[in-house]
């Protein structure tokens, strides 16, 4: 019978190494951006959001309301700053509201 090693790892560490080994970090960032958008912008904005894409350092958000798009365009820099803080790194340099 093989002897067990007593090394213990946290699930977070194991998931991080799995994501890194399988080159899944880009996909995970996209999911985390969508979650951060929903958390920071609230249900009102999320209900008008149809699509969120992260392309290079540009976040493209499709909105179904032109009025909301105009209102959010005034606070682009603040939205970028809040999302980058929530993500813990500078992933977004530009925000496009379409």
PDB file of N, CA and C in Angstrom:
ATOM      1  N   UNK A   1       0.835  -1.168   0.000  1.00  0.00           N
ATOM      2  CA  UNK A   1       0.000   0.000   0.000  1.00  0.00           C
ATOM      3  C   UNK A   1       0.889   1.243   0.000  1.00  0.00           C
ATOM      4  N   UNK A   2       0.551   2.198  -0.850  1.00  0.00           N
ATOM      5  CA  UNK A   2       1.350   3.418  -0.976  1.00  0.00           C
ATOM      6  C   UNK A   2       1.102   4.327   0.217  1.00  0.00           C
ATOM      7  N   UNK A   3       2.161   4.996   0.615  1.00  0.00           N
ATOM      8  CA  UNK A   3       2.069   5.929   1.726  1.00  0.00           C
ATOM      9  C   UNK A   3       1.537   7.266   1.241  1.00  0.00           C
ATOM     10  N   UNK A   4       0.637   7.891   2.011  1.00  0.00           N
ATOM     11  CA  UNK A   4       0.082   9.195   1.658  1.00  0.00           C
ATOM     12  C   UNK A   4       1.000  10.303   2.129  1.00  0.00           C
ATOM     13  N   UNK A   5       1.089  11.307   1.301  1.00  0.00           N
ATOM     14  CA  UNK A   5       1.831  12.497   1.706  1.00  0.00           C
ATOM     15  C   UNK A   5       0.925  13.359   2.565  1.00  0.00           C
ATOM     16  N   UNK A   6       1.486  14.038   3.509  1.00  0.00           N
ATOM     17  CA  UNK A   6       0.708  14.897   4.388  1.00  0.00           C
ATOM     18  C   UNK A   6       0.686  16.343   3.925  1.00  0.00           C
ATOM     19  N   UNK A   7       0.995  16.594   2.672  1.00  0.00           N
ATOM     20  CA  UNK A   7       0.945  17.962   2.152  1.00  0.00           C
ATOM     21  C   UNK A   7      -0.510  18.369   2.011  1.00  0.00           C
ATOM     22  N   UNK A   8      -0.828  19.528   2.566  1.00  0.00           N
ATOM     23  CA  UNK A   8      -2.202  20.022   2.428  1.00  0.00           C
ATOM     24  C   UNK A   8      -2.177  21.323   1.633  1.00  0.00           C
ATOM     25  N   UNK A   9      -3.116  21.435   0.735  1.00  0.00           N
ATOM     26  CA  UNK A   9      -3.223  22.615  -0.111  1.00  0.00           C
ATOM     27  C   UNK A   9      -4.648  23.147  -0.007  1.00  0.00           C
ATOM     28  N   UNK A  10      -4.771  24.446  -0.122  1.00  0.00           N
ATOM     29  CA  UNK A  10      -6.114  25.014  -0.123  1.00  0.00           C
ATOM     30  C   UNK A  10      -6.719  24.843  -1.516  1.00  0.00           C
ATOM     31  N   UNK A  11      -8.041  24.856  -1.575  1.00  0.00           N
ATOM     32  CA  UNK A  11      -8.737  24.712  -2.850  1.00  0.00           C
ATOM     33  C   UNK A  11      -8.402  25.891  -3.756  1.00  0.00           C
ATOM     34  N   UNK A  12      -8.272  27.068  -3.171  1.00  0.00           N
ATOM     35  CA  UNK A  12      -7.942  28.268  -3.945  1.00  0.00           C
ATOM     36  C   UNK A  12      -6.587  28.109  -4.642  1.00  0.00           C
ATOM     37  N   UNK A  13      -5.595  27.599  -3.920  1.00  0.00           N
ATOM     38  CA  UNK A  13      -4.264  27.387  -4.504  1.00  0.00           C
ATOM     39  C   UNK A  13      -4.304  26.330  -5.607  1.00  0.00           C
ATOM     40  N   UNK A  14      -5.058  25.272  -5.374  1.00  0.00           N
ATOM     41  CA  UNK A  14      -5.170  24.216  -6.381  1.00  0.00           C
ATOM     42  C   UNK A  14      -5.854  24.722  -7.648  1.00  0.00           C
ATOM     43  N   UNK A  15      -6.925  25.508  -7.470  1.00  0.00           N
ATOM     44  CA  UNK A  15      -7.627  26.070  -8.636  1.00  0.00           C
ATOM     45  C   UNK A  15      -6.723  27.035  -9.406  1.00  0.00           C
ATOM     46  N   UNK A  16      -5.966  27.859  -8.685  1.00  0.00           N
ATOM     47  CA  UNK A  16      -5.065  28.813  -9.337  1.00  0.00           C
ATOM     48  C   UNK A  16      -4.007  28.081 -10.158  1.00  0.00           C
ATOM     49  N   UNK A  17      -3.439  27.020  -9.606  1.00  0.00           N
ATOM     50  CA  UNK A  17      -2.426  26.273 -10.357  1.00  0.00           C
ATOM     51  C   UNK A  17      -3.042  25.550 -11.547  1.00  0.00           C
ATOM     52  N   UNK A  18      -4.253  25.021 -11.400  1.00  0.00           N
ATOM     53  CA  UNK A  18      -4.949  24.364 -12.509  1.00  0.00           C
ATOM     54  C   UNK A  18      -5.227  25.351 -13.641  1.00  0.00           C
ATOM     55  N   UNK A  19      -5.709  26.550 -13.285  1.00  0.00           N
ATOM     56  CA  UNK A  19      -5.997  27.580 -14.287  1.00  0.00           C
ATOM     57  C   UNK A  19      -4.721  27.996 -15.012  1.00  0.00           C
ATOM     58  N   UNK A  20      -3.638  28.145 -14.270  1.00  0.00           N
ATOM     59  CA  UNK A  20      -2.371  28.559 -14.875  1.00  0.00           C
ATOM     60  C   UNK A  20      -1.815  27.465 -15.796  1.00  0.00           C
ATOM     61  N   UNK A  21      -1.839  26.222 -15.338  1.00  0.00           N
ATOM     62  CA  UNK A  21      -1.300  25.113 -16.117  1.00  0.00           C
ATOM     63  C   UNK A  21      -2.073  24.887 -17.411  1.00  0.00           C
ATOM     64  N   UNK A  22      -3.371  25.110 -17.386  1.00  0.00           N
ATOM     65  CA  UNK A  22      -4.199  24.853 -18.554  1.00  0.00           C
ATOM     66  C   UNK A  22      -4.491  26.105 -19.370  1.00  0.00           C
ATOM     67  N   UNK A  23      -3.803  27.203 -19.052  1.00  0.00           N
ATOM     68  CA  UNK A  23      -3.907  28.458 -19.798  1.00  0.00           C
ATOM     69  C   UNK A  23      -5.362  28.941 -19.900  1.00  0.00           C
ATOM     70  N   UNK A  24      -6.043  28.990 -18.759  1.00  0.00           N
ATOM     71  CA  UNK A  24      -7.443  29.392 -18.714  1.00  0.00           C
ATOM     72  C   UNK A  24      -7.642  30.782 -18.117  1.00  0.00           C
ATOM     73  N   UNK A  25      -6.578  31.517 -17.890  1.00  0.00           N
ATOM     74  CA  UNK A  25      -6.697  32.793 -17.178  1.00  0.00           C
ATOM     75  C   UNK A  25      -7.510  33.830 -17.953  1.00  0.00           C
ATOM     76  N   UNK A  26      -7.396  33.869 -19.282  1.00  0.00           N
ATOM     77  CA  UNK A  26      -8.175  34.833 -20.078  1.00  0.00           C
ATOM     78  C   UNK A  26      -9.670  34.585 -19.924  1.00  0.00           C
ATOM     79  N   UNK A  27     -10.087  33.343 -20.004  1.00  0.00           N
ATOM     80  CA  UNK A  27     -11.493  33.002 -19.857  1.00  0.00           C
ATOM     81  C   UNK A  27     -12.021  33.307 -18.466  1.00  0.00           C
ATOM     82  N   UNK A  28     -11.205  33.058 -17.466  1.00  0.00           N
ATOM     83  CA  UNK A  28     -11.612  33.344 -16.092  1.00  0.00           C
ATOM     84  C   UNK A  28     -11.739  34.847 -15.877  1.00  0.00           C
ATOM     85  N   UNK A  29     -10.854  35.630 -16.487  1.00  0.00           N
ATOM     86  CA  UNK A  29     -10.938  37.087 -16.370  1.00  0.00           C
ATOM     87  C   UNK A  29     -12.237  37.603 -16.976  1.00  0.00           C
ATOM     88  N   UNK A  30     -12.635  37.033 -18.093  1.00  0.00           N
ATOM     89  CA  UNK A  30     -13.889  37.450 -18.727  1.00  0.00           C
ATOM     90  C   UNK A  30     -15.086  37.176 -17.819  1.00  0.00           C
ATOM     91  N   UNK A  31     -15.093  36.030 -17.171  1.00  0.00           N
ATOM     92  CA  UNK A  31     -16.175  35.707 -16.246  1.00  0.00           C
ATOM     93  C   UNK A  31     -16.160  36.631 -15.032  1.00  0.00           C
ATOM     94  N   UNK A  32     -14.968  36.900 -14.519  1.00  0.00           N
ATOM     95  CA  UNK A  32     -14.852  37.766 -13.354  1.00  0.00           C
ATOM     96  C   UNK A  32     -15.261  39.201 -13.676  1.00  0.00           C
ATOM     97  N   UNK A  33     -14.966  39.661 -14.892  1.00  0.00           N
ATOM     98  CA  UNK A  33     -15.373  41.009 -15.308  1.00  0.00           C
ATOM     99  C   UNK A  33     -16.897  41.109 -15.328  1.00  0.00           C
ATOM    100  N   UNK A  34     -17.561  40.089 -15.853  1.00  0.00           N
ATOM    101  CA  UNK A  34     -19.026  40.093 -15.898  1.00  0.00           C
ATOM    102  C   UNK A  34     -19.615  40.128 -14.491  1.00  0.00           C
ATOM    103  N   UNK A  35     -19.020  39.367 -13.576  1.00  0.00           N
ATOM    104  CA  UNK A  35     -19.487  39.364 -12.191  1.00  0.00           C
ATOM    105  C   UNK A  35     -19.245  40.716 -11.531  1.00  0.00           C
ATOM    106  N   UNK A  36     -18.087  41.315 -11.790  1.00  0.00           N
ATOM    107  CA  UNK A  36     -17.759  42.620 -11.208  1.00  0.00           C
ATOM    108  C   UNK A  36     -18.702  43.697 -11.743  1.00  0.00           C
ATOM    109  N   UNK A  37     -19.031  43.638 -13.034  1.00  0.00           N
ATOM    110  CA  UNK A  37     -19.958  44.599 -13.641  1.00  0.00           C
ATOM    111  C   UNK A  37     -21.318  44.510 -12.942  1.00  0.00           C
ATOM    112  N   UNK A  38     -21.803  43.293 -12.751  1.00  0.00           N
ATOM    113  CA  UNK A  38     -23.105  43.108 -12.101  1.00  0.00           C
ATOM    114  C   UNK A  38     -23.072  43.600 -10.656  1.00  0.00           C
ATOM    115  N   UNK A  39     -21.995  43.339  -9.964  1.00  0.00           N
ATOM    116  CA  UNK A  39     -21.877  43.742  -8.563  1.00  0.00           C
ATOM    117  C   UNK A  39     -21.805  45.259  -8.414  1.00  0.00           C
ATOM    118  N   UNK A  40     -20.984  45.901  -9.229  1.00  0.00           N
ATOM    119  CA  UNK A  40     -20.748  47.339  -9.081  1.00  0.00           C
ATOM    120  C   UNK A  40     -21.848  48.198  -9.696  1.00  0.00           C
ATOM    121  N   UNK A  41     -22.442  47.759 -10.781  1.00  0.00           N
ATOM    122  CA  UNK A  41     -23.401  48.598 -11.487  1.00  0.00           C
ATOM    123  C   UNK A  41     -24.833  48.408 -10.998  1.00  0.00           C
ATOM    124  N   UNK A  42     -25.119  47.311 -10.377  1.00  0.00           N
ATOM    125  CA  UNK A  42     -26.453  47.091  -9.828  1.00  0.00           C
ATOM    126  C   UNK A  42     -27.413  46.471 -10.827  1.00  0.00           C
ATOM    127  N   UNK A  43     -28.532  46.016 -10.304  1.00  0.00           N
ATOM    128  CA  UNK A  43     -29.515  45.291 -11.114  1.00  0.00           C
ATOM    129  C   UNK A  43     -30.144  46.167 -12.191  1.00  0.00           C
ATOM    130  N   UNK A  44     -30.326  47.458 -11.920  1.00  0.00           N
ATOM    131  CA  UNK A  44     -30.932  48.356 -12.904  1.00  0.00           C
ATOM    132  C   UNK A  44     -30.140  48.440 -14.189  1.00  0.00           C
ATOM    133  N   UNK A  45     -28.823  48.589 -14.058  1.00  0.00           N
ATOM    134  CA  UNK A  45     -27.956  48.682 -15.239  1.00  0.00           C
ATOM    135  C   UNK A  45     -27.798  47.311 -15.887  1.00  0.00           C
ATOM    136  N   UNK A  46     -27.663  46.281 -15.078  1.00  0.00           N
ATOM    137  CA  UNK A  46     -27.477  44.929 -15.600  1.00  0.00           C
ATOM    138  C   UNK A  46     -28.673  44.486 -16.441  1.00  0.00           C
ATOM    139  N   UNK A  47     -29.871  44.932 -16.079  1.00  0.00           N
ATOM    140  CA  UNK A  47     -31.044  44.530 -16.849  1.00  0.00           C
ATOM    141  C   UNK A  47     -31.031  45.106 -18.268  1.00  0.00           C
ATOM    142  N   UNK A  48     -30.306  46.198 -18.482  1.00  0.00           N
ATOM    143  CA  UNK A  48     -30.179  46.794 -19.821  1.00  0.00           C
ATOM    144  C   UNK A  48     -28.887  46.378 -20.524  1.00  0.00           C
ATOM    145  N   UNK A  49     -28.042  45.611 -19.856  1.00  0.00           N
ATOM    146  CA  UNK A  49     -26.787  45.153 -20.440  1.00  0.00           C
ATOM    147  C   UNK A  49     -27.048  43.891 -21.243  1.00  0.00           C
ATOM    148  N   UNK A  50     -26.660  43.921 -22.519  1.00  0.00           N
ATOM    149  CA  UNK A  50     -26.891  42.751 -23.367  1.00  0.00           C
ATOM    150  C   UNK A  50     -25.627  41.931 -23.609  1.00  0.00           C
ATOM    151  N   UNK A  51     -24.454  42.572 -23.533  1.00  0.00           N
ATOM    152  CA  UNK A  51     -23.216  41.858 -23.841  1.00  0.00           C
ATOM    153  C   UNK A  51     -22.036  42.572 -23.197  1.00  0.00           C
ATOM    154  N   UNK A  52     -21.094  41.792 -22.660  1.00  0.00           N
ATOM    155  CA  UNK A  52     -19.860  42.336 -22.090  1.00  0.00           C
ATOM    156  C   UNK A  52     -18.705  41.549 -22.675  1.00  0.00           C
ATOM    157  N   UNK A  53     -17.739  42.264 -23.262  1.00  0.00           N
ATOM    158  CA  UNK A  53     -16.558  41.613 -23.838  1.00  0.00           C
ATOM    159  C   UNK A  53     -15.301  42.351 -23.411  1.00  0.00           C
ATOM    160  N   UNK A  54     -14.259  41.599 -23.104  1.00  0.00           N
ATOM    161  CA  UNK A  54     -12.957  42.178 -22.804  1.00  0.00           C
ATOM    162  C   UNK A  54     -12.031  41.840 -23.965  1.00  0.00           C
ATOM    163  N   UNK A  55     -11.630  42.874 -24.721  1.00  0.00           N
ATOM    164  CA  UNK A  55     -10.754  42.680 -25.877  1.00  0.00           C
ATOM    165  C   UNK A  55      -9.496  43.507 -25.657  1.00  0.00           C
ATOM    166  N   UNK A  56      -8.380  42.824 -25.514  1.00  0.00           N
ATOM    167  CA  UNK A  56      -7.111  43.452 -25.157  1.00  0.00           C
ATOM    168  C   UNK A  56      -7.308  44.223 -23.862  1.00  0.00           C
ATOM    169  N   UNK A  57      -7.249  45.493 -23.799  1.00  0.00           N
ATOM    170  CA  UNK A  57      -7.498  46.218 -22.550  1.00  0.00           C
ATOM    171  C   UNK A  57      -8.738  47.096 -22.679  1.00  0.00           C
ATOM    172  N   UNK A  58      -9.621  46.734 -23.604  1.00  0.00           N
ATOM    173  CA  UNK A  58     -10.843  47.488 -23.843  1.00  0.00           C
ATOM    174  C   UNK A  58     -12.043  46.651 -23.421  1.00  0.00           C
ATOM    175  N   UNK A  59     -12.880  47.222 -22.562  1.00  0.00           N
ATOM    176  CA  UNK A  59     -14.113  46.574 -22.164  1.00  0.00           C
ATOM    177  C   UNK A  59     -15.237  47.134 -23.025  1.00  0.00           C
ATOM    178  N   UNK A  60     -15.893  46.254 -23.772  1.00  0.00           N
ATOM    179  CA  UNK A  60     -16.983  46.645 -24.649  1.00  0.00           C
ATOM    180  C   UNK A  60     -18.281  46.176 -23.994  1.00  0.00           C
ATOM    181  N   UNK A  61     -19.148  47.139 -23.689  1.00  0.00           N
ATOM    182  CA  UNK A  61     -20.417  46.836 -23.037  1.00  0.00           C
ATOM    183  C   UNK A  61     -21.547  47.272 -23.962  1.00  0.00           C
ATOM    184  N   UNK A  62     -22.392  46.326 -24.345  1.00  0.00           N
ATOM    185  CA  UNK A  62     -23.551  46.632 -25.190  1.00  0.00           C
ATOM    186  C   UNK A  62     -24.753  46.861 -24.288  1.00  0.00           C
ATOM    187  N   UNK A  63     -25.400  48.002 -24.484  1.00  0.00           N
ATOM    188  CA  UNK A  63     -26.573  48.373 -23.693  1.00  0.00           C
ATOM    189  C   UNK A  63     -27.774  48.531 -24.604  1.00  0.00           C
ATOM    190  N   UNK A  64     -28.944  48.157 -24.116  1.00  0.00           N
ATOM    191  CA  UNK A  64     -30.150  48.262 -24.923  1.00  0.00           C
ATOM    192  C   UNK A  64     -30.856  49.607 -24.746  1.00  0.00           C
ATOM    193  N   UNK A  65     -30.358  50.450 -23.871  1.00  0.00           N
ATOM    194  CA  UNK A  65     -30.970  51.756 -23.623  1.00  0.00           C
ATOM    195  C   UNK A  65     -30.003  52.873 -23.997  1.00  0.00           C
ATOM    196  N   UNK A  66     -30.395  53.700 -24.963  1.00  0.00           N
ATOM    197  CA  UNK A  66     -29.528  54.808 -25.380  1.00  0.00           C
ATOM    198  C   UNK A  66     -29.422  55.868 -24.284  1.00  0.00           C
ATOM    199  N   UNK A  67     -30.461  56.036 -23.499  1.00  0.00           N
ATOM    200  CA  UNK A  67     -30.434  57.009 -22.402  1.00  0.00           C
ATOM    201  C   UNK A  67     -29.418  56.574 -21.344  1.00  0.00           C
ATOM    202  N   UNK A  68     -29.443  55.300 -20.985  1.00  0.00           N
ATOM    203  CA  UNK A  68     -28.493  54.771 -20.007  1.00  0.00           C
ATOM    204  C   UNK A  68     -27.070  54.851 -20.547  1.00  0.00           C
ATOM    205  N   UNK A  69     -26.891  54.555 -21.828  1.00  0.00           N
ATOM    206  CA  UNK A  69     -25.569  54.631 -22.459  1.00  0.00           C
ATOM    207  C   UNK A  69     -25.010  56.042 -22.327  1.00  0.00           C
ATOM    208  N   UNK A  70     -25.836  57.033 -22.563  1.00  0.00           N
ATOM    209  CA  UNK A  70     -25.412  58.433 -22.460  1.00  0.00           C
ATOM    210  C   UNK A  70     -25.056  58.789 -21.014  1.00  0.00           C
ATOM    211  N   UNK A  71     -25.862  58.359 -20.061  1.00  0.00           N
ATOM    212  CA  UNK A  71     -25.604  58.646 -18.649  1.00  0.00           C
ATOM    213  C   UNK A  71     -24.295  58.001 -18.190  1.00  0.00           C
ATOM    214  N   UNK A  72     -24.071  56.755 -18.572  1.00  0.00           N
ATOM    215  CA  UNK A  72     -22.853  56.056 -18.159  1.00  0.00           C
ATOM    216  C   UNK A  72     -21.607  56.630 -18.834  1.00  0.00           C
ATOM    217  N   UNK A  73     -21.767  57.213 -20.007  1.00  0.00           N
ATOM    218  CA  UNK A  73     -20.610  57.758 -20.725  1.00  0.00           C
ATOM    219  C   UNK A  73     -19.970  58.909 -19.952  1.00  0.00           C
ATOM    220  N   UNK A  74     -20.743  59.591 -19.116  1.00  0.00           N
ATOM    221  CA  UNK A  74     -20.184  60.686 -18.318  1.00  0.00           C
ATOM    222  C   UNK A  74     -19.258  60.189 -17.213  1.00  0.00           C
ATOM    223  N   UNK A  75     -19.402  58.948 -16.799  1.00  0.00           N
ATOM    224  CA  UNK A  75     -18.589  58.412 -15.711  1.00  0.00           C
ATOM    225  C   UNK A  75     -17.674  57.279 -16.120  1.00  0.00           C
ATOM    226  N   UNK A  76     -17.209  57.278 -17.364  1.00  0.00           N
ATOM    227  CA  UNK A  76     -16.372  56.175 -17.859  1.00  0.00           C
ATOM    228  C   UNK A  76     -15.116  55.960 -17.019  1.00  0.00           C
ATOM    229  N   UNK A  77     -14.420  57.043 -16.692  1.00  0.00           N
ATOM    230  CA  UNK A  77     -13.170  56.918 -15.933  1.00  0.00           C
ATOM    231  C   UNK A  77     -13.422  56.310 -14.557  1.00  0.00           C
ATOM    232  N   UNK A  78     -14.501  56.721 -13.918  1.00  0.00           N
ATOM    233  CA  UNK A  78     -14.832  56.187 -12.602  1.00  0.00           C
ATOM    234  C   UNK A  78     -15.191  54.708 -12.695  1.00  0.00           C
ATOM    235  N   UNK A  79     -15.929  54.325 -13.722  1.00  0.00           N
ATOM    236  CA  UNK A  79     -16.311  52.924 -13.914  1.00  0.00           C
ATOM    237  C   UNK A  79     -15.068  52.069 -14.134  1.00  0.00           C
ATOM    238  N   UNK A  80     -14.143  52.551 -14.961  1.00  0.00           N
ATOM    239  CA  UNK A  80     -12.898  51.825 -15.221  1.00  0.00           C
ATOM    240  C   UNK A  80     -12.119  51.637 -13.921  1.00  0.00           C
ATOM    241  N   UNK A  81     -12.015  52.703 -13.154  1.00  0.00           N
ATOM    242  CA  UNK A  81     -11.269  52.652 -11.889  1.00  0.00           C
ATOM    243  C   UNK A  81     -11.916  51.652 -10.925  1.00  0.00           C
ATOM    244  N   UNK A  82     -13.240  51.694 -10.812  1.00  0.00           N
ATOM    245  CA  UNK A  82     -13.941  50.783  -9.897  1.00  0.00           C
ATOM    246  C   UNK A  82     -13.774  49.322 -10.327  1.00  0.00           C
ATOM    247  N   UNK A  83     -13.878  49.053 -11.621  1.00  0.00           N
ATOM    248  CA  UNK A  83     -13.735  47.676 -12.111  1.00  0.00           C
ATOM    249  C   UNK A  83     -12.313  47.160 -11.905  1.00  0.00           C
ATOM    250  N   UNK A  84     -11.318  47.997 -12.177  1.00  0.00           N
ATOM    251  CA  UNK A  84      -9.933  47.584 -11.968  1.00  0.00           C
ATOM    252  C   UNK A  84      -9.655  47.306 -10.494  1.00  0.00           C
ATOM    253  N   UNK A  85     -10.212  48.126  -9.608  1.00  0.00           N
ATOM    254  CA  UNK A  85     -10.033  47.890  -8.171  1.00  0.00           C
ATOM    255  C   UNK A  85     -10.702  46.593  -7.745  1.00  0.00           C
ATOM    256  N   UNK A  86     -11.877  46.337  -8.276  1.00  0.00           N
ATOM    257  CA  UNK A  86     -12.604  45.098  -7.935  1.00  0.00           C
ATOM    258  C   UNK A  86     -11.842  43.866  -8.425  1.00  0.00           C
ATOM    259  N   UNK A  87     -11.210  43.981  -9.598  1.00  0.00           N
ATOM    260  CA  UNK A  87     -10.467  42.855 -10.159  1.00  0.00           C
ATOM    261  C   UNK A  87      -9.101  42.673  -9.492  1.00  0.00           C
ATOM    262  N   UNK A  88      -8.602  43.727  -8.873  1.00  0.00           N
ATOM    263  CA  UNK A  88      -7.315  43.631  -8.200  1.00  0.00           C
ATOM    264  C   UNK A  88      -6.118  43.842  -9.107  1.00  0.00           C
ATOM    265  N   UNK A  89      -6.344  44.195 -10.351  1.00  0.00           N
ATOM    266  CA  UNK A  89      -5.265  44.492 -11.291  1.00  0.00           C
ATOM    267  C   UNK A  89      -5.801  45.389 -12.398  1.00  0.00           C
ATOM    268  N   UNK A  90      -4.897  46.004 -13.142  1.00  0.00           N
ATOM    269  CA  UNK A  90      -5.325  46.934 -14.197  1.00  0.00           C
ATOM    270  C   UNK A  90      -5.569  46.165 -15.495  1.00  0.00           C
ATOM    271  N   UNK A  91      -6.778  45.658 -15.632  1.00  0.00           N
ATOM    272  CA  UNK A  91      -7.164  44.900 -16.822  1.00  0.00           C
ATOM    273  C   UNK A  91      -7.786  45.790 -17.879  1.00  0.00           C
ATOM    274  N   UNK A  92      -8.416  46.881 -17.449  1.00  0.00           N
ATOM    275  CA  UNK A  92      -9.188  47.720 -18.362  1.00  0.00           C
ATOM    276  C   UNK A  92      -8.533  49.082 -18.490  1.00  0.00           C
ATOM    277  N   UNK A  93      -8.275  49.502 -19.725  1.00  0.00           N
ATOM    278  CA  UNK A  93      -7.732  50.828 -19.976  1.00  0.00           C
ATOM    279  C   UNK A  93      -8.763  51.723 -20.660  1.00  0.00           C
ATOM    280  N   UNK A  94      -9.719  51.100 -21.356  1.00  0.00           N
ATOM    281  CA  UNK A  94     -10.707  51.858 -22.110  1.00  0.00           C
ATOM    282  C   UNK A  94     -12.070  51.178 -21.990  1.00  0.00           C
ATOM    283  N   UNK A  95     -13.127  51.982 -21.931  1.00  0.00           N
ATOM    284  CA  UNK A  95     -14.492  51.469 -21.849  1.00  0.00           C
ATOM    285  C   UNK A  95     -15.270  51.983 -23.049  1.00  0.00           C
ATOM    286  N   UNK A  96     -15.867  51.051 -23.790  1.00  0.00           N
ATOM    287  CA  UNK A  96     -16.711  51.423 -24.928  1.00  0.00           C
ATOM    288  C   UNK A  96     -18.140  50.998 -24.631  1.00  0.00           C
ATOM    289  N   UNK A  97     -19.041  51.947 -24.671  1.00  0.00           N
ATOM    290  CA  UNK A  97     -20.459  51.663 -24.460  1.00  0.00           C
ATOM    291  C   UNK A  97     -21.144  51.701 -25.819  1.00  0.00           C
ATOM    292  N   UNK A  98     -21.665  50.566 -26.245  1.00  0.00           N
ATOM    293  CA  UNK A  98     -22.319  50.483 -27.560  1.00  0.00           C
ATOM    294  C   UNK A  98     -23.759  50.046 -27.420  1.00  0.00           C
TER     295      UNK A  98
END
